[in-house]
Amino acid sequence: MNADLFGLEQQTPRANRRPEAAALVEVLKALRTHPAVAWCERMNTGAAKVEGRFIRFGFKGCPDVLGQLKDGRLLGVEVKAQAGRLRPEQALFLERIRCAGGVAFVARDCRDVREQLNN
């Protein structure tokens, strides 16, 4: 227990041990309020064992956020913490979206969203 000068209990400030989760919340909020974005949704990926079977959700390299711009183009956003790096399959998927005429980028905060979508 931490106590102040008067002996009153002080709570230890909570450290954010999930900086990428915090970045995802910020990026989704920026995307959902941007005038160029028609819709966007978080894409959950991973795997689980269900009734003794191994099931994979999503697919390798899928961006954290998929959506559509109001002009019809596909939107793919990979969210990373400040120190996070793209895995090769993530970089490849973003490039595939760009090659097909979509908009794809890495976002670490709301500034990246504004910068990419205002161009």
N, C-alpha and C. Protein backbone atom coordinates (compact mmCIF):
# COMPACT_ATOMS: atom_id res chain seq x y z
N MET A 1 0.84 -1.18 0.00
CA MET A 1 0.00 0.00 0.00
C MET A 1 0.88 1.25 0.00
N ASN A 2 0.57 2.18 -0.86
CA ASN A 2 1.24 3.48 -0.86
C ASN A 2 0.42 4.43 0.00
N ALA A 3 1.09 5.21 0.83
CA ALA A 3 0.38 6.17 1.67
C ALA A 3 0.97 7.56 1.45
N ASP A 4 0.12 8.58 1.55
CA ASP A 4 0.61 9.94 1.41
C ASP A 4 1.12 10.44 2.77
N LEU A 5 1.46 11.70 2.85
CA LEU A 5 2.02 12.30 4.05
C LEU A 5 1.11 12.16 5.27
N PHE A 6 -0.20 12.09 5.04
CA PHE A 6 -1.16 11.99 6.13
C PHE A 6 -1.57 10.55 6.43
N GLY A 7 -0.95 9.59 5.77
CA GLY A 7 -1.27 8.19 6.01
C GLY A 7 -2.46 7.68 5.22
N LEU A 8 -2.97 8.50 4.30
CA LEU A 8 -4.10 8.07 3.48
C LEU A 8 -3.59 7.22 2.31
N GLU A 9 -4.36 6.19 2.01
CA GLU A 9 -3.97 5.27 0.93
C GLU A 9 -3.98 5.99 -0.42
N GLN A 10 -2.95 5.78 -1.19
CA GLN A 10 -2.85 6.35 -2.54
C GLN A 10 -2.85 5.21 -3.54
N GLN A 11 -3.67 5.33 -4.57
CA GLN A 11 -3.67 4.31 -5.62
C GLN A 11 -2.53 4.57 -6.58
N THR A 12 -1.88 3.49 -6.96
CA THR A 12 -0.81 3.59 -7.95
C THR A 12 -1.45 3.79 -9.32
N PRO A 13 -0.99 4.79 -10.08
CA PRO A 13 -1.55 4.98 -11.41
C PRO A 13 -1.38 3.72 -12.25
N ARG A 14 -2.41 3.38 -12.98
CA ARG A 14 -2.38 2.18 -13.81
C ARG A 14 -1.59 2.43 -15.08
N ALA A 15 -0.67 1.53 -15.37
CA ALA A 15 0.13 1.64 -16.60
C ALA A 15 -0.62 0.97 -17.74
N ASN A 16 -0.57 1.55 -18.91
CA ASN A 16 -1.20 0.94 -20.07
C ASN A 16 -0.25 -0.12 -20.62
N ARG A 17 -0.59 -1.37 -20.37
CA ARG A 17 0.26 -2.46 -20.83
C ARG A 17 -0.14 -2.92 -22.22
N ARG A 18 -1.14 -2.27 -22.80
CA ARG A 18 -1.62 -2.64 -24.13
C ARG A 18 -1.68 -1.41 -25.02
N PRO A 19 -0.52 -0.84 -25.38
CA PRO A 19 -0.53 0.39 -26.17
C PRO A 19 -1.18 0.22 -27.54
N GLU A 20 -1.11 -0.98 -28.13
CA GLU A 20 -1.74 -1.18 -29.43
C GLU A 20 -3.27 -1.15 -29.31
N ALA A 21 -3.81 -1.65 -28.22
CA ALA A 21 -5.26 -1.60 -28.02
C ALA A 21 -5.73 -0.16 -27.87
N ALA A 22 -4.95 0.66 -27.18
CA ALA A 22 -5.30 2.08 -27.03
C ALA A 22 -5.23 2.78 -28.38
N ALA A 23 -4.23 2.45 -29.18
CA ALA A 23 -4.10 3.04 -30.51
C ALA A 23 -5.29 2.63 -31.38
N LEU A 24 -5.73 1.38 -31.27
CA LEU A 24 -6.86 0.90 -32.06
C LEU A 24 -8.13 1.69 -31.76
N VAL A 25 -8.38 1.95 -30.50
CA VAL A 25 -9.56 2.73 -30.10
C VAL A 25 -9.50 4.12 -30.73
N GLU A 26 -8.33 4.76 -30.67
CA GLU A 26 -8.15 6.10 -31.22
C GLU A 26 -8.31 6.11 -32.73
N VAL A 27 -7.72 5.13 -33.40
CA VAL A 27 -7.79 5.07 -34.86
C VAL A 27 -9.22 4.79 -35.33
N LEU A 28 -9.91 3.87 -34.68
CA LEU A 28 -11.30 3.59 -35.06
C LEU A 28 -12.19 4.83 -34.90
N LYS A 29 -11.98 5.56 -33.83
CA LYS A 29 -12.77 6.78 -33.61
C LYS A 29 -12.50 7.80 -34.72
N ALA A 30 -11.23 7.95 -35.09
CA ALA A 30 -10.87 8.89 -36.16
C ALA A 30 -11.46 8.45 -37.50
N LEU A 31 -11.42 7.15 -37.78
CA LEU A 31 -11.97 6.65 -39.05
C LEU A 31 -13.48 6.82 -39.10
N ARG A 32 -14.16 6.51 -38.01
CA ARG A 32 -15.62 6.56 -38.00
C ARG A 32 -16.17 7.97 -38.08
N THR A 33 -15.35 8.96 -37.75
CA THR A 33 -15.81 10.35 -37.82
C THR A 33 -15.26 11.09 -39.04
N HIS A 34 -14.41 10.43 -39.81
CA HIS A 34 -13.83 11.09 -40.99
C HIS A 34 -14.88 11.16 -42.10
N PRO A 35 -15.02 12.31 -42.75
CA PRO A 35 -16.07 12.46 -43.77
C PRO A 35 -15.88 11.60 -45.02
N ALA A 36 -14.69 11.09 -45.27
CA ALA A 36 -14.45 10.27 -46.46
C ALA A 36 -14.80 8.80 -46.24
N VAL A 37 -15.00 8.39 -45.00
CA VAL A 37 -15.21 6.97 -44.69
C VAL A 37 -16.70 6.66 -44.62
N ALA A 38 -17.13 5.67 -45.43
CA ALA A 38 -18.53 5.23 -45.41
C ALA A 38 -18.77 4.31 -44.22
N TRP A 39 -17.88 3.36 -44.00
CA TRP A 39 -17.97 2.45 -42.86
C TRP A 39 -16.61 1.82 -42.62
N CYS A 40 -16.42 1.34 -41.40
CA CYS A 40 -15.21 0.59 -41.05
C CYS A 40 -15.49 -0.29 -39.85
N GLU A 41 -14.85 -1.43 -39.80
CA GLU A 41 -15.05 -2.38 -38.71
C GLU A 41 -13.73 -3.02 -38.31
N ARG A 42 -13.62 -3.35 -37.06
CA ARG A 42 -12.48 -4.08 -36.53
C ARG A 42 -12.54 -5.51 -37.02
N MET A 43 -11.43 -6.01 -37.55
CA MET A 43 -11.34 -7.39 -38.01
C MET A 43 -10.57 -8.21 -36.98
N ASN A 44 -11.28 -9.09 -36.29
CA ASN A 44 -10.61 -9.94 -35.31
C ASN A 44 -10.04 -11.16 -36.01
N THR A 45 -8.82 -11.47 -35.69
CA THR A 45 -8.19 -12.67 -36.23
C THR A 45 -7.59 -13.45 -35.07
N GLY A 46 -7.27 -14.68 -35.33
CA GLY A 46 -6.68 -15.51 -34.30
C GLY A 46 -7.12 -16.94 -34.47
N ALA A 47 -7.01 -17.70 -33.39
CA ALA A 47 -7.37 -19.11 -33.45
C ALA A 47 -7.85 -19.56 -32.08
N ALA A 48 -8.65 -20.62 -32.10
CA ALA A 48 -9.15 -21.19 -30.85
C ALA A 48 -9.46 -22.66 -31.06
N LYS A 49 -9.47 -23.37 -29.97
CA LYS A 49 -9.86 -24.78 -30.02
C LYS A 49 -11.32 -24.85 -29.63
N VAL A 50 -12.17 -25.35 -30.54
CA VAL A 50 -13.60 -25.45 -30.31
C VAL A 50 -14.00 -26.91 -30.47
N GLU A 51 -14.52 -27.47 -29.40
CA GLU A 51 -14.94 -28.87 -29.39
C GLU A 51 -13.86 -29.80 -29.95
N GLY A 52 -12.63 -29.56 -29.51
CA GLY A 52 -11.52 -30.41 -29.92
C GLY A 52 -10.95 -30.10 -31.30
N ARG A 53 -11.52 -29.13 -31.99
CA ARG A 53 -11.02 -28.76 -33.32
C ARG A 53 -10.35 -27.40 -33.25
N PHE A 54 -9.25 -27.26 -33.97
CA PHE A 54 -8.52 -26.00 -34.06
C PHE A 54 -9.13 -25.19 -35.18
N ILE A 55 -9.63 -23.99 -34.86
CA ILE A 55 -10.29 -23.14 -35.86
C ILE A 55 -9.58 -21.79 -35.91
N ARG A 56 -9.25 -21.36 -37.13
CA ARG A 56 -8.61 -20.06 -37.34
C ARG A 56 -9.67 -19.06 -37.78
N PHE A 57 -9.64 -17.88 -37.17
CA PHE A 57 -10.56 -16.80 -37.52
C PHE A 57 -9.79 -15.76 -38.33
N GLY A 58 -10.40 -15.27 -39.39
CA GLY A 58 -9.71 -14.29 -40.22
C GLY A 58 -8.70 -14.99 -41.11
N PHE A 59 -7.76 -14.23 -41.63
CA PHE A 59 -6.74 -14.80 -42.49
C PHE A 59 -5.44 -14.05 -42.29
N LYS A 60 -4.34 -14.70 -42.63
CA LYS A 60 -3.02 -14.12 -42.40
C LYS A 60 -2.87 -12.79 -43.11
N GLY A 61 -2.38 -11.81 -42.38
CA GLY A 61 -2.10 -10.51 -42.96
C GLY A 61 -3.28 -9.56 -42.99
N CYS A 62 -4.47 -10.04 -42.63
CA CYS A 62 -5.65 -9.18 -42.67
C CYS A 62 -5.43 -7.96 -41.78
N PRO A 63 -5.71 -6.76 -42.29
CA PRO A 63 -5.52 -5.56 -41.47
C PRO A 63 -6.47 -5.54 -40.27
N ASP A 64 -6.12 -4.76 -39.27
CA ASP A 64 -6.93 -4.64 -38.07
C ASP A 64 -8.29 -4.03 -38.36
N VAL A 65 -8.34 -3.14 -39.36
CA VAL A 65 -9.59 -2.46 -39.70
C VAL A 65 -9.81 -2.57 -41.20
N LEU A 66 -10.99 -3.02 -41.58
CA LEU A 66 -11.41 -3.01 -42.99
C LEU A 66 -12.62 -2.09 -43.10
N GLY A 67 -12.73 -1.44 -44.26
CA GLY A 67 -13.85 -0.54 -44.45
C GLY A 67 -13.97 -0.14 -45.91
N GLN A 68 -14.77 0.88 -46.12
CA GLN A 68 -15.00 1.39 -47.47
C GLN A 68 -15.09 2.90 -47.41
N LEU A 69 -14.45 3.53 -48.39
CA LEU A 69 -14.56 4.98 -48.50
C LEU A 69 -15.85 5.31 -49.24
N LYS A 70 -16.33 6.53 -49.11
CA LYS A 70 -17.58 6.92 -49.75
C LYS A 70 -17.49 6.90 -51.26
N ASP A 71 -16.26 6.93 -51.81
CA ASP A 71 -16.11 6.84 -53.26
C ASP A 71 -16.06 5.39 -53.74
N GLY A 72 -16.24 4.43 -52.82
CA GLY A 72 -16.32 3.02 -53.19
C GLY A 72 -15.06 2.21 -53.00
N ARG A 73 -13.94 2.87 -52.74
CA ARG A 73 -12.68 2.15 -52.59
C ARG A 73 -12.60 1.40 -51.26
N LEU A 74 -11.91 0.25 -51.29
CA LEU A 74 -11.68 -0.54 -50.08
C LEU A 74 -10.68 0.19 -49.19
N LEU A 75 -10.89 0.10 -47.89
CA LEU A 75 -10.00 0.72 -46.91
C LEU A 75 -9.43 -0.37 -46.02
N GLY A 76 -8.12 -0.39 -45.87
CA GLY A 76 -7.46 -1.33 -44.96
C GLY A 76 -6.46 -0.58 -44.10
N VAL A 77 -6.58 -0.72 -42.79
CA VAL A 77 -5.70 0.00 -41.86
C VAL A 77 -5.11 -1.00 -40.86
N GLU A 78 -3.81 -1.08 -40.83
CA GLU A 78 -3.11 -1.88 -39.83
C GLU A 78 -2.71 -0.94 -38.70
N VAL A 79 -3.15 -1.24 -37.49
CA VAL A 79 -2.88 -0.39 -36.34
C VAL A 79 -1.68 -0.95 -35.58
N LYS A 80 -0.72 -0.09 -35.30
CA LYS A 80 0.47 -0.49 -34.56
C LYS A 80 0.74 0.51 -33.44
N ALA A 81 1.32 0.01 -32.36
CA ALA A 81 1.81 0.89 -31.30
C ALA A 81 3.02 1.63 -31.85
N GLN A 82 3.49 2.64 -31.14
CA GLN A 82 4.60 3.46 -31.63
C GLN A 82 5.82 2.62 -32.01
N ALA A 83 6.10 1.57 -31.27
CA ALA A 83 7.28 0.75 -31.55
C ALA A 83 6.95 -0.49 -32.39
N GLY A 84 5.69 -0.66 -32.77
CA GLY A 84 5.28 -1.86 -33.50
C GLY A 84 5.78 -1.89 -34.93
N ARG A 85 5.99 -3.11 -35.43
CA ARG A 85 6.45 -3.31 -36.82
C ARG A 85 5.48 -4.20 -37.57
N LEU A 86 5.39 -3.96 -38.87
CA LEU A 86 4.56 -4.80 -39.73
C LEU A 86 5.22 -6.15 -39.94
N ARG A 87 4.43 -7.21 -39.89
CA ARG A 87 4.92 -8.52 -40.30
C ARG A 87 4.87 -8.56 -41.83
N PRO A 88 5.68 -9.39 -42.46
CA PRO A 88 5.70 -9.43 -43.93
C PRO A 88 4.32 -9.68 -44.55
N GLU A 89 3.53 -10.58 -43.96
CA GLU A 89 2.21 -10.86 -44.54
C GLU A 89 1.27 -9.67 -44.39
N GLN A 90 1.46 -8.84 -43.37
CA GLN A 90 0.64 -7.63 -43.22
C GLN A 90 1.02 -6.61 -44.28
N ALA A 91 2.32 -6.43 -44.51
CA ALA A 91 2.78 -5.49 -45.54
C ALA A 91 2.28 -5.93 -46.92
N LEU A 92 2.32 -7.22 -47.18
CA LEU A 92 1.86 -7.76 -48.46
C LEU A 92 0.37 -7.50 -48.65
N PHE A 93 -0.42 -7.71 -47.62
CA PHE A 93 -1.86 -7.50 -47.73
C PHE A 93 -2.18 -6.03 -48.01
N LEU A 94 -1.52 -5.12 -47.30
CA LEU A 94 -1.74 -3.69 -47.54
C LEU A 94 -1.37 -3.33 -48.98
N GLU A 95 -0.29 -3.90 -49.48
CA GLU A 95 0.13 -3.64 -50.86
C GLU A 95 -0.89 -4.19 -51.86
N ARG A 96 -1.47 -5.33 -51.57
CA ARG A 96 -2.50 -5.91 -52.46
C ARG A 96 -3.71 -4.98 -52.54
N ILE A 97 -4.10 -4.39 -51.42
CA ILE A 97 -5.22 -3.44 -51.42
C ILE A 97 -4.88 -2.23 -52.28
N ARG A 98 -3.66 -1.69 -52.10
CA ARG A 98 -3.24 -0.51 -52.89
C ARG A 98 -3.20 -0.83 -54.38
N CYS A 99 -2.68 -2.00 -54.74
CA CYS A 99 -2.57 -2.39 -56.16
C CYS A 99 -3.94 -2.55 -56.81
N ALA A 100 -4.95 -2.85 -56.03
CA ALA A 100 -6.31 -3.01 -56.55
C ALA A 100 -7.08 -1.69 -56.54
N GLY A 101 -6.40 -0.59 -56.18
CA GLY A 101 -7.04 0.73 -56.20
C GLY A 101 -7.60 1.17 -54.87
N GLY A 102 -7.38 0.40 -53.84
CA GLY A 102 -7.88 0.76 -52.51
C GLY A 102 -6.90 1.65 -51.76
N VAL A 103 -7.27 1.99 -50.56
CA VAL A 103 -6.44 2.82 -49.69
C VAL A 103 -6.04 1.96 -48.50
N ALA A 104 -4.74 1.83 -48.27
CA ALA A 104 -4.24 0.99 -47.19
C ALA A 104 -3.02 1.67 -46.56
N PHE A 105 -2.97 1.65 -45.24
CA PHE A 105 -1.86 2.29 -44.55
C PHE A 105 -1.74 1.77 -43.13
N VAL A 106 -0.62 2.12 -42.50
CA VAL A 106 -0.39 1.82 -41.09
C VAL A 106 -0.73 3.08 -40.30
N ALA A 107 -1.46 2.92 -39.21
CA ALA A 107 -1.82 4.05 -38.35
C ALA A 107 -1.39 3.76 -36.93
N ARG A 108 -0.75 4.73 -36.32
CA ARG A 108 -0.33 4.62 -34.93
C ARG A 108 -1.17 5.51 -34.02
N ASP A 109 -1.87 6.47 -34.64
CA ASP A 109 -2.77 7.36 -33.90
C ASP A 109 -3.67 8.09 -34.90
N CYS A 110 -4.51 9.00 -34.39
CA CYS A 110 -5.48 9.70 -35.25
C CYS A 110 -4.79 10.59 -36.27
N ARG A 111 -3.60 11.08 -35.98
CA ARG A 111 -2.89 11.94 -36.94
C ARG A 111 -2.58 11.19 -38.23
N ASP A 112 -2.22 9.91 -38.12
CA ASP A 112 -1.94 9.11 -39.31
C ASP A 112 -3.19 8.96 -40.17
N VAL A 113 -4.34 8.80 -39.53
CA VAL A 113 -5.60 8.68 -40.27
C VAL A 113 -5.88 9.96 -41.05
N ARG A 114 -5.79 11.10 -40.37
CA ARG A 114 -6.03 12.39 -41.05
C ARG A 114 -5.05 12.59 -42.18
N GLU A 115 -3.78 12.31 -41.95
CA GLU A 115 -2.74 12.52 -42.97
C GLU A 115 -3.02 11.67 -44.20
N GLN A 116 -3.34 10.41 -44.00
CA GLN A 116 -3.55 9.50 -45.13
C GLN A 116 -4.85 9.78 -45.89
N LEU A 117 -5.91 10.09 -45.18
CA LEU A 117 -7.21 10.27 -45.84
C LEU A 117 -7.42 11.68 -46.37
N ASN A 118 -6.65 12.64 -45.94
CA ASN A 118 -6.80 14.00 -46.45
C ASN A 118 -5.96 14.23 -47.69
N ASN A 119 -5.17 13.26 -48.10
CA ASN A 119 -4.38 13.39 -49.34
C ASN A 119 -5.20 13.06 -50.55
